[in-house]
Amino acid sequence: MNYATLGNEAQEILSLATPVPPHWVIYWDQWTGDIGPPDVSAISAQEWTTLTDAQRATIKSQYAAAGIKLIVSVFGATDAPTSTGADPVETANTFAAWVKQYNLDGVDVDYEDFNAFDGGKAEAWLISFTTQLRAQLPSGSYIITHAPVAPWFSPSIWPGGGYLKVHSSVGSLIDWYNVQFYNQGTSEYTTCSGLLTTSSNTWPESALFQIGANGVPLSKLVIGKPATTSDANNGFMSTSTLASCLNTAKAQGWNGGVMVWQYPDATASWIAAVRSLSWPV
């Protein structure tokens, strides 16, 4: 389909549509010195607020024509909103207003308040936050994803129920999960078996199909991996190994897609290599 040949109404409808799986997600959190996002072929964005409205509109149209959504990732490793007392409803309202003001396609909730999860306080906060965020950013017009670490899906570790509790409460409001299958131990999720079917006893039932068996649709489970060994402490897989894992998972009914941390260590060529055996381009 040639986006440029579509009428204005068709382009608007397409730009608002929530993507169907598989999803191919690239994060960017590195400074490069560029002004604004690079060429659309690099699949990334930065310094969005420093651009003019006209510049943002031009870039958004280029990305839309390439079938790419631009969303903002919030929180991350340096922010612990529950532990620091942030109000979930007010926080959601603030983020939603920012997304609307700067014409982005949605929000990725990279919640990493580990103390809150250990204490059983994260789940209620996330449920309230996600409920309000979706109320402000309606489904079909905006994307909402979450990026939990894989062990948070283990069913018997977390006093508040972990991400299985979050999913059972507000999973219908979340488009998909960019699951972080890395930084959880030197041998965790580093083989196709450990990634897909049987996790270790340290983080039980947190492999891809185990999470699915506990009630999360496979279509919502996006496999997250670091682009290089320097992009994470552990959990790295080569593109050839990961491509083999994807091919195996697809044959068993999974179609979630892949997330990678991060550009510029991973670009369109990284995604092409990873999907070469399952969804080749």
C-alpha atoms as a PDB file:
ATOM      1  CA  MET A   1       0.000   0.000   0.000  1.00  0.00           C
ATOM      2  CA  ASN A   2       1.290   3.461  -0.933  1.00  0.00           C
ATOM      3  CA  TYR A   3       0.330   5.801   1.912  1.00  0.00           C
ATOM      4  CA  ALA A   4       0.953   8.902  -0.203  1.00  0.00           C
ATOM      5  CA  THR A   5      -1.691   7.900  -2.751  1.00  0.00           C
ATOM      6  CA  LEU A   6      -4.450   7.587  -0.137  1.00  0.00           C
ATOM      7  CA  GLY A   7      -7.010  10.317   0.408  1.00  0.00           C
ATOM      8  CA  ASN A   8      -6.881  12.548   3.483  1.00  0.00           C
ATOM      9  CA  GLU A   9      -9.646  10.636   5.268  1.00  0.00           C
ATOM     10  CA  ALA A  10      -7.997   7.274   4.623  1.00  0.00           C
ATOM     11  CA  GLN A  11      -4.633   8.600   5.811  1.00  0.00           C
ATOM     12  CA  GLU A  12      -6.221   9.906   9.007  1.00  0.00           C
ATOM     13  CA  ILE A  13      -7.947   6.594   9.728  1.00  0.00           C
ATOM     14  CA  LEU A  14      -4.740   4.663   9.094  1.00  0.00           C
ATOM     15  CA  SER A  15      -2.715   6.980  11.316  1.00  0.00           C
ATOM     16  CA  LEU A  16      -5.127   6.402  14.215  1.00  0.00           C
ATOM     17  CA  ALA A  17      -5.346   2.639  13.888  1.00  0.00           C
ATOM     18  CA  THR A  18      -3.723   0.467  16.555  1.00  0.00           C
ATOM     19  CA  PRO A  19      -1.134  -1.802  14.891  1.00  0.00           C
ATOM     20  CA  VAL A  20      -1.866  -5.520  14.766  1.00  0.00           C
ATOM     21  CA  PRO A  21       0.797  -8.059  15.733  1.00  0.00           C
ATOM     22  CA  PRO A  22       3.554  -8.797  15.161  1.00  0.00           C
ATOM     23  CA  HIS A  23       5.010  -5.592  16.595  1.00  0.00           C
ATOM     24  CA  TRP A  24       8.589  -4.426  16.002  1.00  0.00           C
ATOM     25  CA  VAL A  25       9.633  -1.957  18.692  1.00  0.00           C
ATOM     26  CA  ILE A  26      12.864   0.034  19.044  1.00  0.00           C
ATOM     27  CA  TYR A  27      13.664   2.201  22.066  1.00  0.00           C
ATOM     28  CA  TRP A  28      16.024   5.154  21.940  1.00  0.00           C
ATOM     29  CA  ASP A  29      17.560   6.697  25.054  1.00  0.00           C
ATOM     30  CA  GLN A  30      20.987   7.742  23.768  1.00  0.00           C
ATOM     31  CA  TRP A  31      22.209  11.228  22.919  1.00  0.00           C
ATOM     32  CA  THR A  32      23.590  11.580  19.391  1.00  0.00           C
ATOM     33  CA  GLY A  33      23.732  15.319  18.766  1.00  0.00           C
ATOM     34  CA  ASP A  34      21.146  15.190  15.989  1.00  0.00           C
ATOM     35  CA  ILE A  35      18.342  17.741  15.923  1.00  0.00           C
ATOM     36  CA  GLY A  36      15.034  15.910  15.925  1.00  0.00           C
ATOM     37  CA  PRO A  37      14.521  12.327  14.794  1.00  0.00           C
ATOM     38  CA  PRO A  38      16.859  10.926  12.140  1.00  0.00           C
ATOM     39  CA  ASP A  39      15.629   9.703   8.801  1.00  0.00           C
ATOM     40  CA  VAL A  40      12.553   7.521   9.069  1.00  0.00           C
ATOM     41  CA  SER A  41      14.557   4.493   7.928  1.00  0.00           C
ATOM     42  CA  ALA A  42      16.414   4.545  11.261  1.00  0.00           C
ATOM     43  CA  ILE A  43      13.156   4.162  13.234  1.00  0.00           C
ATOM     44  CA  SER A  44      13.742   6.458  16.184  1.00  0.00           C
ATOM     45  CA  ALA A  45      13.015   9.858  17.682  1.00  0.00           C
ATOM     46  CA  GLN A  46      14.425  12.405  20.117  1.00  0.00           C
ATOM     47  CA  GLU A  47      14.091  16.024  21.270  1.00  0.00           C
ATOM     48  CA  TRP A  48      10.492  16.034  20.140  1.00  0.00           C
ATOM     49  CA  THR A  49       9.500  19.082  22.171  1.00  0.00           C
ATOM     50  CA  THR A  50      12.241  21.267  20.684  1.00  0.00           C
ATOM     51  CA  LEU A  51      10.782  21.016  17.184  1.00  0.00           C
ATOM     52  CA  THR A  52       8.176  23.361  15.755  1.00  0.00           C
ATOM     53  CA  ASP A  53       4.618  22.180  15.152  1.00  0.00           C
ATOM     54  CA  ALA A  54       5.341  22.165  11.423  1.00  0.00           C
ATOM     55  CA  GLN A  55       8.496  20.089  11.871  1.00  0.00           C
ATOM     56  CA  ARG A  56       6.661  17.569  14.038  1.00  0.00           C
ATOM     57  CA  ALA A  57       3.815  17.317  11.528  1.00  0.00           C
ATOM     58  CA  THR A  58       6.249  16.658   8.686  1.00  0.00           C
ATOM     59  CA  ILE A  59       8.119  13.984  10.612  1.00  0.00           C
ATOM     60  CA  LYS A  60       4.905  12.323  11.786  1.00  0.00           C
ATOM     61  CA  SER A  61       3.642  12.107   8.201  1.00  0.00           C
ATOM     62  CA  GLN A  62       6.925  10.507   7.105  1.00  0.00           C
ATOM     63  CA  TYR A  63       6.760   7.945   9.885  1.00  0.00           C
ATOM     64  CA  ALA A  64       3.073   7.259   9.231  1.00  0.00           C
ATOM     65  CA  ALA A  65       3.828   6.661   5.561  1.00  0.00           C
ATOM     66  CA  ALA A  66       6.383   4.056   6.631  1.00  0.00           C
ATOM     67  CA  GLY A  67       3.876   2.395   8.978  1.00  0.00           C
ATOM     68  CA  ILE A  68       5.738   3.503  12.104  1.00  0.00           C
ATOM     69  CA  LYS A  69       4.180   4.847  15.307  1.00  0.00           C
ATOM     70  CA  LEU A  70       5.982   7.311  17.575  1.00  0.00           C
ATOM     71  CA  ILE A  71       5.252   6.838  21.268  1.00  0.00           C
ATOM     72  CA  VAL A  72       6.909   8.119  24.430  1.00  0.00           C
ATOM     73  CA  SER A  73       8.308   5.788  27.083  1.00  0.00           C
ATOM     74  CA  VAL A  74       7.721   6.959  30.658  1.00  0.00           C
ATOM     75  CA  PHE A  75       9.354   6.243  34.039  1.00  0.00           C
ATOM     76  CA  GLY A  76      12.311   3.886  33.428  1.00  0.00           C
ATOM     77  CA  ALA A  77      15.067   2.759  35.768  1.00  0.00           C
ATOM     78  CA  THR A  78      15.620   6.157  37.409  1.00  0.00           C
ATOM     79  CA  ASP A  79      11.991   6.828  38.379  1.00  0.00           C
ATOM     80  CA  ALA A  80      10.086   5.075  41.171  1.00  0.00           C
ATOM     81  CA  PRO A  81       6.669   6.750  41.115  1.00  0.00           C
ATOM     82  CA  THR A  82       4.927   4.561  43.678  1.00  0.00           C
ATOM     83  CA  SER A  83       7.762   4.646  46.200  1.00  0.00           C
ATOM     84  CA  THR A  84       8.114   8.425  45.865  1.00  0.00           C
ATOM     85  CA  GLY A  85       4.409   9.038  46.398  1.00  0.00           C
ATOM     86  CA  ALA A  86       3.312  10.148  42.924  1.00  0.00           C
ATOM     87  CA  ASP A  87      -0.454  10.165  42.496  1.00  0.00           C
ATOM     88  CA  PRO A  88      -1.354   7.672  39.733  1.00  0.00           C
ATOM     89  CA  VAL A  89      -4.338   9.621  38.389  1.00  0.00           C
ATOM     90  CA  GLU A  90      -2.563  12.969  38.321  1.00  0.00           C
ATOM     91  CA  THR A  91       0.498  11.365  36.750  1.00  0.00           C
ATOM     92  CA  ALA A  92      -1.615   9.752  34.039  1.00  0.00           C
ATOM     93  CA  ASN A  93      -3.351  13.050  33.313  1.00  0.00           C
ATOM     94  CA  THR A  94       0.006  14.816  32.976  1.00  0.00           C
ATOM     95  CA  PHE A  95       1.392  12.253  30.547  1.00  0.00           C
ATOM     96  CA  ALA A  96      -1.793  12.139  28.480  1.00  0.00           C
ATOM     97  CA  ALA A  97      -1.851  15.915  28.126  1.00  0.00           C
ATOM     98  CA  TRP A  98       1.792  15.870  26.999  1.00  0.00           C
ATOM     99  CA  VAL A  99       1.102  13.188  24.377  1.00  0.00           C
ATOM    100  CA  LYS A 100      -1.811  15.205  22.996  1.00  0.00           C
ATOM    101  CA  GLN A 101       0.106  18.484  23.042  1.00  0.00           C
ATOM    102  CA  TYR A 102       3.009  17.044  21.081  1.00  0.00           C
ATOM    103  CA  ASN A 103       0.957  14.821  18.766  1.00  0.00           C
ATOM    104  CA  LEU A 104       2.430  11.439  19.643  1.00  0.00           C
ATOM    105  CA  ASP A 105       0.795   8.069  19.075  1.00  0.00           C
ATOM    106  CA  GLY A 106       0.749   6.856  22.651  1.00  0.00           C
ATOM    107  CA  VAL A 107       2.619   5.863  25.809  1.00  0.00           C
ATOM    108  CA  ASP A 108       4.857   2.974  26.792  1.00  0.00           C
ATOM    109  CA  VAL A 109       4.761   2.385  30.561  1.00  0.00           C
ATOM    110  CA  ASP A 110       8.312   1.374  31.479  1.00  0.00           C
ATOM    111  CA  TYR A 111       7.536   1.023  35.183  1.00  0.00           C
ATOM    112  CA  GLU A 112      10.602  -0.143  37.131  1.00  0.00           C
ATOM    113  CA  ASP A 113       9.724   0.572  40.775  1.00  0.00           C
ATOM    114  CA  PHE A 114      11.178  -2.679  42.100  1.00  0.00           C
ATOM    115  CA  ASN A 115      10.732  -1.784  45.769  1.00  0.00           C
ATOM    116  CA  ALA A 116       7.032  -1.221  45.171  1.00  0.00           C
ATOM    117  CA  PHE A 117       6.686  -4.648  43.553  1.00  0.00           C
ATOM    118  CA  ASP A 118       8.608  -6.284  46.388  1.00  0.00           C
ATOM    119  CA  GLY A 119       6.278  -4.595  48.871  1.00  0.00           C
ATOM    120  CA  GLY A 120       3.046  -5.441  47.073  1.00  0.00           C
ATOM    121  CA  LYS A 121       2.201  -1.803  46.336  1.00  0.00           C
ATOM    122  CA  ALA A 122       2.937  -1.567  42.616  1.00  0.00           C
ATOM    123  CA  GLU A 123      -0.081  -3.387  41.269  1.00  0.00           C
ATOM    124  CA  ALA A 124      -2.803  -1.093  42.645  1.00  0.00           C
ATOM    125  CA  TRP A 125      -0.822   1.960  41.516  1.00  0.00           C
ATOM    126  CA  LEU A 126      -0.382   0.584  37.992  1.00  0.00           C
ATOM    127  CA  ILE A 127      -4.037  -0.399  37.737  1.00  0.00           C
ATOM    128  CA  SER A 128      -5.207   3.078  38.723  1.00  0.00           C
ATOM    129  CA  PHE A 129      -2.632   4.752  36.480  1.00  0.00           C
ATOM    130  CA  THR A 130      -3.471   2.621  33.442  1.00  0.00           C
ATOM    131  CA  THR A 131      -7.216   3.069  33.914  1.00  0.00           C
ATOM    132  CA  GLN A 132      -6.871   6.851  33.935  1.00  0.00           C
ATOM    133  CA  LEU A 133      -4.345   6.895  31.104  1.00  0.00           C
ATOM    134  CA  ARG A 134      -6.683   4.927  28.853  1.00  0.00           C
ATOM    135  CA  ALA A 135      -9.595   7.179  29.808  1.00  0.00           C
ATOM    136  CA  GLN A 136      -7.558  10.118  28.519  1.00  0.00           C
ATOM    137  CA  LEU A 137      -6.040   8.287  25.530  1.00  0.00           C
ATOM    138  CA  PRO A 138      -8.859   6.226  23.973  1.00  0.00           C
ATOM    139  CA  SER A 139      -8.207   2.858  22.386  1.00  0.00           C
ATOM    140  CA  GLY A 140      -8.098   3.014  18.613  1.00  0.00           C
ATOM    141  CA  SER A 141      -6.730   6.539  18.707  1.00  0.00           C
ATOM    142  CA  TYR A 142      -3.726   5.977  20.983  1.00  0.00           C
ATOM    143  CA  ILE A 143      -1.408   3.098  21.840  1.00  0.00           C
ATOM    144  CA  ILE A 144      -0.721   2.108  25.448  1.00  0.00           C
ATOM    145  CA  THR A 145       1.932  -0.527  26.091  1.00  0.00           C
ATOM    146  CA  HIS A 146       3.703  -1.720  29.238  1.00  0.00           C
ATOM    147  CA  ALA A 147       7.312  -2.903  29.509  1.00  0.00           C
ATOM    148  CA  PRO A 148       7.546  -5.189  32.552  1.00  0.00           C
ATOM    149  CA  VAL A 149      10.540  -7.353  33.357  1.00  0.00           C
ATOM    150  CA  ALA A 150       9.662 -10.980  32.671  1.00  0.00           C
ATOM    151  CA  PRO A 151       9.902 -12.171  36.312  1.00  0.00           C
ATOM    152  CA  TRP A 152       7.017  -9.885  37.265  1.00  0.00           C
ATOM    153  CA  PHE A 153       4.770 -12.396  35.489  1.00  0.00           C
ATOM    154  CA  SER A 154       5.828 -15.195  37.865  1.00  0.00           C
ATOM    155  CA  PRO A 155       2.609 -16.254  39.598  1.00  0.00           C
ATOM    156  CA  SER A 156       3.803 -17.066  43.114  1.00  0.00           C
ATOM    157  CA  ILE A 157       6.485 -14.517  44.024  1.00  0.00           C
ATOM    158  CA  TRP A 158       4.897 -11.079  44.276  1.00  0.00           C
ATOM    159  CA  PRO A 159       2.753 -10.274  47.331  1.00  0.00           C
ATOM    160  CA  GLY A 160       0.472  -8.009  45.311  1.00  0.00           C
ATOM    161  CA  GLY A 161       0.005 -10.510  42.495  1.00  0.00           C
ATOM    162  CA  GLY A 162       2.589  -9.116  40.067  1.00  0.00           C
ATOM    163  CA  TYR A 163       1.812  -8.388  36.448  1.00  0.00           C
ATOM    164  CA  LEU A 164      -0.704 -11.216  36.273  1.00  0.00           C
ATOM    165  CA  LYS A 165      -2.803  -9.119  38.670  1.00  0.00           C
ATOM    166  CA  VAL A 166      -2.253  -6.021  36.534  1.00  0.00           C
ATOM    167  CA  HIS A 167      -3.250  -7.927  33.421  1.00  0.00           C
ATOM    168  CA  SER A 168      -6.367  -9.442  34.977  1.00  0.00           C
ATOM    169  CA  SER A 169      -7.512  -5.962  36.027  1.00  0.00           C
ATOM    170  CA  VAL A 170      -6.532  -3.715  33.113  1.00  0.00           C
ATOM    171  CA  GLY A 171      -5.085  -5.999  30.448  1.00  0.00           C
ATOM    172  CA  SER A 172      -7.925  -5.090  28.112  1.00  0.00           C
ATOM    173  CA  LEU A 173      -6.699  -1.476  28.236  1.00  0.00           C
ATOM    174  CA  ILE A 174      -3.116  -2.404  27.303  1.00  0.00           C
ATOM    175  CA  ASP A 175      -2.336  -3.005  23.634  1.00  0.00           C
ATOM    176  CA  TRP A 176       0.704  -5.190  24.267  1.00  0.00           C
ATOM    177  CA  TYR A 177       3.585  -5.889  26.666  1.00  0.00           C
ATOM    178  CA  ASN A 178       7.203  -5.180  25.702  1.00  0.00           C
ATOM    179  CA  VAL A 179       8.527  -7.860  28.053  1.00  0.00           C
ATOM    180  CA  GLN A 180      12.122  -7.360  29.199  1.00  0.00           C
ATOM    181  CA  PHE A 181      13.719 -10.786  28.872  1.00  0.00           C
ATOM    182  CA  TYR A 182      17.100  -9.465  30.023  1.00  0.00           C
ATOM    183  CA  ASN A 183      18.958  -8.152  33.107  1.00  0.00           C
ATOM    184  CA  GLN A 184      17.537 -10.982  35.220  1.00  0.00           C
ATOM    185  CA  GLY A 185      20.615 -13.205  35.636  1.00  0.00           C
ATOM    186  CA  THR A 186      23.558 -14.350  33.552  1.00  0.00           C
ATOM    187  CA  SER A 187      21.832 -17.499  32.296  1.00  0.00           C
ATOM    188  CA  GLU A 188      18.218 -16.275  32.265  1.00  0.00           C
ATOM    189  CA  TYR A 189      16.382 -16.274  28.926  1.00  0.00           C
ATOM    190  CA  THR A 190      19.593 -16.868  26.929  1.00  0.00           C
ATOM    191  CA  THR A 191      18.489 -20.042  25.116  1.00  0.00           C
ATOM    192  CA  CYS A 192      15.366 -20.666  23.075  1.00  0.00           C
ATOM    193  CA  SER A 193      14.169 -23.139  25.686  1.00  0.00           C
ATOM    194  CA  GLY A 194      14.707 -20.727  28.573  1.00  0.00           C
ATOM    195  CA  LEU A 195      13.157 -17.856  26.667  1.00  0.00           C
ATOM    196  CA  LEU A 196      10.161 -19.687  25.265  1.00  0.00           C
ATOM    197  CA  THR A 197       9.143 -22.693  27.338  1.00  0.00           C
ATOM    198  CA  THR A 198      10.857 -23.208  30.702  1.00  0.00           C
ATOM    199  CA  SER A 199      12.326 -20.451  32.849  1.00  0.00           C
ATOM    200  CA  SER A 200      14.615 -21.126  35.794  1.00  0.00           C
ATOM    201  CA  ASN A 201      13.508 -21.858  39.353  1.00  0.00           C
ATOM    202  CA  THR A 202      14.659 -18.372  40.293  1.00  0.00           C
ATOM    203  CA  TRP A 203      11.880 -16.824  38.207  1.00  0.00           C
ATOM    204  CA  PRO A 204       9.363 -19.660  37.772  1.00  0.00           C
ATOM    205  CA  GLU A 205       6.803 -19.633  34.975  1.00  0.00           C
ATOM    206  CA  SER A 206       8.184 -16.497  33.343  1.00  0.00           C
ATOM    207  CA  ALA A 207       9.168 -17.873  29.925  1.00  0.00           C
ATOM    208  CA  LEU A 208       7.058 -16.715  26.995  1.00  0.00           C
ATOM    209  CA  PHE A 209       4.660 -19.655  26.702  1.00  0.00           C
ATOM    210  CA  GLN A 210       4.455 -20.023  30.489  1.00  0.00           C
ATOM    211  CA  ILE A 211       3.224 -16.434  30.724  1.00  0.00           C
ATOM    212  CA  GLY A 212       0.728 -17.244  28.004  1.00  0.00           C
ATOM    213  CA  ALA A 213      -0.448 -20.343  29.865  1.00  0.00           C
ATOM    214  CA  ASN A 214      -1.153 -18.146  32.888  1.00  0.00           C
ATOM    215  CA  GLY A 215      -3.664 -16.063  31.005  1.00  0.00           C
ATOM    216  CA  VAL A 216      -1.859 -13.417  28.957  1.00  0.00           C
ATOM    217  CA  PRO A 217      -2.652 -13.656  25.213  1.00  0.00           C
ATOM    218  CA  LEU A 218       0.402 -14.611  23.183  1.00  0.00           C
ATOM    219  CA  SER A 219      -0.443 -11.850  20.710  1.00  0.00           C
ATOM    220  CA  LYS A 220       0.211  -9.314  23.487  1.00  0.00           C
ATOM    221  CA  LEU A 221       3.624 -10.689  24.461  1.00  0.00           C
ATOM    222  CA  VAL A 222       6.468  -8.936  22.642  1.00  0.00           C
ATOM    223  CA  ILE A 223       9.924 -10.412  23.284  1.00  0.00           C
ATOM    224  CA  GLY A 224      12.320  -7.729  24.524  1.00  0.00           C
ATOM    225  CA  LYS A 225      16.075  -8.135  24.055  1.00  0.00           C
ATOM    226  CA  PRO A 226      19.200  -5.909  24.134  1.00  0.00           C
ATOM    227  CA  ALA A 227      20.791  -5.062  20.803  1.00  0.00           C
ATOM    228  CA  THR A 228      24.342  -5.736  22.016  1.00  0.00           C
ATOM    229  CA  THR A 229      26.068  -7.050  25.128  1.00  0.00           C
ATOM    230  CA  SER A 230      26.739  -3.443  26.167  1.00  0.00           C
ATOM    231  CA  ASP A 231      23.037  -2.559  26.103  1.00  0.00           C
ATOM    232  CA  ALA A 232      22.238  -4.760  29.121  1.00  0.00           C
ATOM    233  CA  ASN A 233      23.968  -6.576  31.960  1.00  0.00           C
ATOM    234  CA  ASN A 234      22.868  -9.964  30.637  1.00  0.00           C
ATOM    235  CA  GLY A 235      20.247 -11.696  28.529  1.00  0.00           C
ATOM    236  CA  PHE A 236      21.815 -10.921  25.141  1.00  0.00           C
ATOM    237  CA  MET A 237      21.120 -13.179  22.155  1.00  0.00           C
ATOM    238  CA  SER A 238      22.677 -12.945  18.712  1.00  0.00           C
ATOM    239  CA  THR A 239      20.290 -12.013  15.928  1.00  0.00           C
ATOM    240  CA  SER A 240      20.660 -15.481  14.408  1.00  0.00           C
ATOM    241  CA  THR A 241      19.770 -17.233  17.667  1.00  0.00           C
ATOM    242  CA  LEU A 242      16.868 -14.903  18.338  1.00  0.00           C
ATOM    243  CA  ALA A 243      15.634 -15.392  14.775  1.00  0.00           C
ATOM    244  CA  SER A 244      15.604 -19.145  15.370  1.00  0.00           C
ATOM    245  CA  CYS A 245      13.647 -18.684  18.607  1.00  0.00           C
ATOM    246  CA  LEU A 246      11.078 -16.525  16.832  1.00  0.00           C
ATOM    247  CA  ASN A 247      10.643 -19.116  14.125  1.00  0.00           C
ATOM    248  CA  THR A 248      10.021 -21.788  16.760  1.00  0.00           C
ATOM    249  CA  ALA A 249       7.585 -19.586  18.679  1.00  0.00           C
ATOM    250  CA  LYS A 250       5.644 -18.651  15.555  1.00  0.00           C
ATOM    251  CA  ALA A 251       5.218 -22.321  14.683  1.00  0.00           C
ATOM    252  CA  GLN A 252       3.603 -22.776  18.107  1.00  0.00           C
ATOM    253  CA  GLY A 253       1.066 -19.990  17.625  1.00  0.00           C
ATOM    254  CA  TRP A 254       2.849 -16.893  18.919  1.00  0.00           C
ATOM    255  CA  ASN A 255       2.861 -13.688  16.874  1.00  0.00           C
ATOM    256  CA  GLY A 256       3.693 -10.913  19.350  1.00  0.00           C
ATOM    257  CA  GLY A 257       6.873  -9.527  17.779  1.00  0.00           C
ATOM    258  CA  VAL A 258      10.129  -8.184  19.199  1.00  0.00           C
ATOM    259  CA  MET A 259      11.289  -5.164  21.154  1.00  0.00           C
ATOM    260  CA  VAL A 260      14.937  -4.092  21.227  1.00  0.00           C
ATOM    261  CA  TRP A 261      16.929  -1.851  23.529  1.00  0.00           C
ATOM    262  CA  GLN A 262      18.223   0.253  21.871  1.00  0.00           C
ATOM    263  CA  TYR A 263      18.926   2.493  18.827  1.00  0.00           C
ATOM    264  CA  PRO A 264      21.487   3.196  17.365  1.00  0.00           C
ATOM    265  CA  ASP A 265      22.876  -0.236  18.280  1.00  0.00           C
ATOM    266  CA  ALA A 266      19.777  -1.703  16.611  1.00  0.00           C
ATOM    267  CA  THR A 267      18.279  -0.263  13.443  1.00  0.00           C
ATOM    268  CA  ALA A 268      16.013  -1.531  10.675  1.00  0.00           C
ATOM    269  CA  SER A 269      18.700  -4.035   9.673  1.00  0.00           C
ATOM    270  CA  TRP A 270      18.632  -5.582  13.177  1.00  0.00           C
ATOM    271  CA  ILE A 271      14.881  -6.077  12.952  1.00  0.00           C
ATOM    272  CA  ALA A 272      15.191  -7.525   9.443  1.00  0.00           C
ATOM    273  CA  ALA A 273      17.747 -10.063  10.689  1.00  0.00           C
ATOM    274  CA  VAL A 274      15.682 -11.058  13.715  1.00  0.00           C
ATOM    275  CA  ARG A 275      12.492 -11.602  11.719  1.00  0.00           C
ATOM    276  CA  SER A 276      14.225 -13.226   8.743  1.00  0.00           C
ATOM    277  CA  LEU A 277      13.042 -16.780   9.517  1.00  0.00           C
ATOM    278  CA  SER A 278       9.552 -15.952  10.774  1.00  0.00           C
ATOM    279  CA  TRP A 279       8.278 -12.789   9.083  1.00  0.00           C
ATOM    280  CA  PRO A 280      10.933 -12.049   6.433  1.00  0.00           C
ATOM    281  CA  VAL A 281      11.033  -8.700   4.670  1.00  0.00           C
END
